[in-house]
C-alpha atoms as a PDB file:
ATOM      1  CA  UNK A   1     103.716 104.823  90.889  1.00  0.00           C
ATOM      2  CA  UNK A   2     101.606 103.264  93.611  1.00  0.00           C
ATOM      3  CA  UNK A   3      97.813 103.563  93.484  1.00  0.00           C
ATOM      4  CA  UNK A   4      97.783 104.901  97.045  1.00  0.00           C
ATOM      5  CA  UNK A   5     100.008 107.792  95.943  1.00  0.00           C
ATOM      6  CA  UNK A   6      97.675 108.511  93.048  1.00  0.00           C
ATOM      7  CA  UNK A   7      94.568 108.451  95.235  1.00  0.00           C
ATOM      8  CA  UNK A   8      96.059 111.227  97.362  1.00  0.00           C
ATOM      9  CA  UNK A   9      96.126 113.556  94.335  1.00  0.00           C
ATOM     10  CA  UNK A  10      93.277 115.735  93.091  1.00  0.00           C
ATOM     11  CA  UNK A  11      91.559 115.153  89.757  1.00  0.00           C
ATOM     12  CA  UNK A  12      93.404 118.109  88.232  1.00  0.00           C
ATOM     13  CA  UNK A  13      96.752 116.723  89.346  1.00  0.00           C
ATOM     14  CA  UNK A  14      95.834 113.323  87.924  1.00  0.00           C
ATOM     15  CA  UNK A  15      94.928 114.864  84.572  1.00  0.00           C
ATOM     16  CA  UNK A  16      98.234 116.756  84.483  1.00  0.00           C
ATOM     17  CA  UNK A  17     100.096 113.574  85.368  1.00  0.00           C
ATOM     18  CA  UNK A  18      98.344 111.685  82.577  1.00  0.00           C
ATOM     19  CA  UNK A  19      99.378 114.350  80.062  1.00  0.00           C
ATOM     20  CA  UNK A  20     102.979 114.195  81.305  1.00  0.00           C
ATOM     21  CA  UNK A  21     103.018 110.405  81.058  1.00  0.00           C
ATOM     22  CA  UNK A  22     101.593 110.483  77.538  1.00  0.00           C
ATOM     23  CA  UNK A  23     104.254 113.008  76.488  1.00  0.00           C
ATOM     24  CA  UNK A  24     106.938 110.801  77.998  1.00  0.00           C
ATOM     25  CA  UNK A  25     105.546 107.799  76.110  1.00  0.00           C
ATOM     26  CA  UNK A  26     105.577 109.702  72.803  1.00  0.00           C
ATOM     27  CA  UNK A  27     109.181 110.776  73.375  1.00  0.00           C
ATOM     28  CA  UNK A  28     110.146 107.159  74.020  1.00  0.00           C
ATOM     29  CA  UNK A  29     108.374 106.056  70.845  1.00  0.00           C
ATOM     30  CA  UNK A  30     110.228 108.694  68.836  1.00  0.00           C
ATOM     31  CA  UNK A  31     113.536 107.637  70.378  1.00  0.00           C
ATOM     32  CA  UNK A  32     112.832 104.017  69.469  1.00  0.00           C
ATOM     33  CA  UNK A  33     111.822 104.933  65.918  1.00  0.00           C
ATOM     34  CA  UNK A  34     114.971 106.995  65.353  1.00  0.00           C
ATOM     35  CA  UNK A  35     117.232 104.196  66.577  1.00  0.00           C
ATOM     36  CA  UNK A  36     118.386 106.102  69.640  1.00  0.00           C
ATOM     37  CA  UNK A  37     118.944 104.059  72.755  1.00  0.00           C
ATOM     38  CA  UNK A  38     115.626 103.866  74.531  1.00  0.00           C
ATOM     39  CA  UNK A  39     114.934 101.893  77.639  1.00  0.00           C
ATOM     40  CA  UNK A  40     112.253  99.580  76.323  1.00  0.00           C
ATOM     41  CA  UNK A  41     111.213  98.574  79.839  1.00  0.00           C
ATOM     42  CA  UNK A  42     109.906 102.106  80.305  1.00  0.00           C
ATOM     43  CA  UNK A  43     107.154 101.513  77.733  1.00  0.00           C
ATOM     44  CA  UNK A  44     105.245  99.049  79.891  1.00  0.00           C
ATOM     45  CA  UNK A  45     105.884 101.017  83.076  1.00  0.00           C
ATOM     46  CA  UNK A  46     104.506 104.227  81.607  1.00  0.00           C
ATOM     47  CA  UNK A  47     101.518 102.469  80.033  1.00  0.00           C
ATOM     48  CA  UNK A  48     100.654 100.867  83.369  1.00  0.00           C
ATOM     49  CA  UNK A  49     100.951 104.215  85.149  1.00  0.00           C
ATOM     50  CA  UNK A  50      98.584 105.778  82.607  1.00  0.00           C
ATOM     51  CA  UNK A  51      96.130 102.927  83.176  1.00  0.00           C
ATOM     52  CA  UNK A  52      96.335 103.421  86.953  1.00  0.00           C
ATOM     53  CA  UNK A  53      95.616 107.136  86.604  1.00  0.00           C
ATOM     54  CA  UNK A  54      92.668 106.487  84.287  1.00  0.00           C
ATOM     55  CA  UNK A  55      91.295 103.821  86.628  1.00  0.00           C
ATOM     56  CA  UNK A  56      91.332 106.156  89.616  1.00  0.00           C
ATOM     57  CA  UNK A  57      89.722 108.981  87.629  1.00  0.00           C
ATOM     58  CA  UNK A  58      87.048 106.539  86.437  1.00  0.00           C
ATOM     59  CA  UNK A  59      86.433 105.257  89.981  1.00  0.00           C
ATOM     60  CA  UNK A  60      85.950 108.807  91.203  1.00  0.00           C
ATOM     61  CA  UNK A  61      83.614 109.641  88.333  1.00  0.00           C
ATOM     62  CA  UNK A  62      81.438 106.640  89.178  1.00  0.00           C
ATOM     63  CA  UNK A  63      81.610 107.333  92.904  1.00  0.00           C
ATOM     64  CA  UNK A  64      83.473 104.146  93.706  1.00  0.00           C
ATOM     65  CA  UNK A  65      86.037 103.824  96.456  1.00  0.00           C
ATOM     66  CA  UNK A  66      89.419 102.196  96.055  1.00  0.00           C
ATOM     67  CA  UNK A  67      89.802  98.448  95.756  1.00  0.00           C
ATOM     68  CA  UNK A  68      90.696  98.179  99.452  1.00  0.00           C
ATOM     69  CA  UNK A  69      87.500  99.892 100.510  1.00  0.00           C
ATOM     70  CA  UNK A  70      85.453  97.709  98.186  1.00  0.00           C
ATOM     71  CA  UNK A  71      86.948  94.533  99.654  1.00  0.00           C
ATOM     72  CA  UNK A  72      86.304  95.788 103.199  1.00  0.00           C
ATOM     73  CA  UNK A  73      82.726  96.663 102.270  1.00  0.00           C
ATOM     74  CA  UNK A  74      82.072  93.164 100.963  1.00  0.00           C
ATOM     75  CA  UNK A  75      83.378  91.652 104.191  1.00  0.00           C
ATOM     76  CA  UNK A  76      81.240  94.003 106.286  1.00  0.00           C
ATOM     77  CA  UNK A  77      78.105  93.254 104.257  1.00  0.00           C
ATOM     78  CA  UNK A  78      78.635  89.504 104.631  1.00  0.00           C
ATOM     79  CA  UNK A  79      79.149  89.883 108.373  1.00  0.00           C
ATOM     80  CA  UNK A  80      76.010  92.023 108.738  1.00  0.00           C
ATOM     81  CA  UNK A  81      73.828  89.672 106.707  1.00  0.00           C
ATOM     82  CA  UNK A  82      74.937  86.662 108.712  1.00  0.00           C
ATOM     83  CA  UNK A  83      76.235  84.856 105.664  1.00  0.00           C
ATOM     84  CA  UNK A  84      79.160  82.679 106.547  1.00  0.00           C
ATOM     85  CA  UNK A  85      81.861  82.041 104.007  1.00  0.00           C
ATOM     86  CA  UNK A  86      82.860  78.513 102.972  1.00  0.00           C
ATOM     87  CA  UNK A  87      85.590  78.341 105.612  1.00  0.00           C
ATOM     88  CA  UNK A  88      83.254  79.506 108.342  1.00  0.00           C
ATOM     89  CA  UNK A  89      80.574  77.037 107.213  1.00  0.00           C
ATOM     90  CA  UNK A  90      83.065  74.172 107.371  1.00  0.00           C
ATOM     91  CA  UNK A  91      84.117  75.224 110.866  1.00  0.00           C
ATOM     92  CA  UNK A  92      80.494  75.380 111.984  1.00  0.00           C
ATOM     93  CA  UNK A  93      79.820  71.923 110.546  1.00  0.00           C
ATOM     94  CA  UNK A  94      82.874  70.478 112.273  1.00  0.00           C
ATOM     95  CA  UNK A  95      81.882  72.049 115.597  1.00  0.00           C
ATOM     96  CA  UNK A  96      78.339  70.689 115.256  1.00  0.00           C
ATOM     97  CA  UNK A  97      79.627  67.163 114.610  1.00  0.00           C
ATOM     98  CA  UNK A  98      82.031  67.331 117.558  1.00  0.00           C
ATOM     99  CA  UNK A  99      79.265  68.200 120.030  1.00  0.00           C
ATOM    100  CA  UNK A 100      76.911  65.429 118.824  1.00  0.00           C
END
């Protein structure tokens, strides 16, 4: 499940989804323990989905935005403060040398 899809859900929906995923994981573990054919690839997929849900719930609890918004915010702050990144500094140095 994509993080963008999860961010569109409410906290209640995320909690319900986490419970469903945990139940699905337990059923897979039981199937594996009883020697029934279980798709072992599903273990990592479900665990990652649970982690994604928990991450989004935690971000909301702390008042953080998604990773995309955080990256955009860092870029905006650097632009506002006048700090140039390493690439921009190199370009400025090259331009200064060319005009000398």
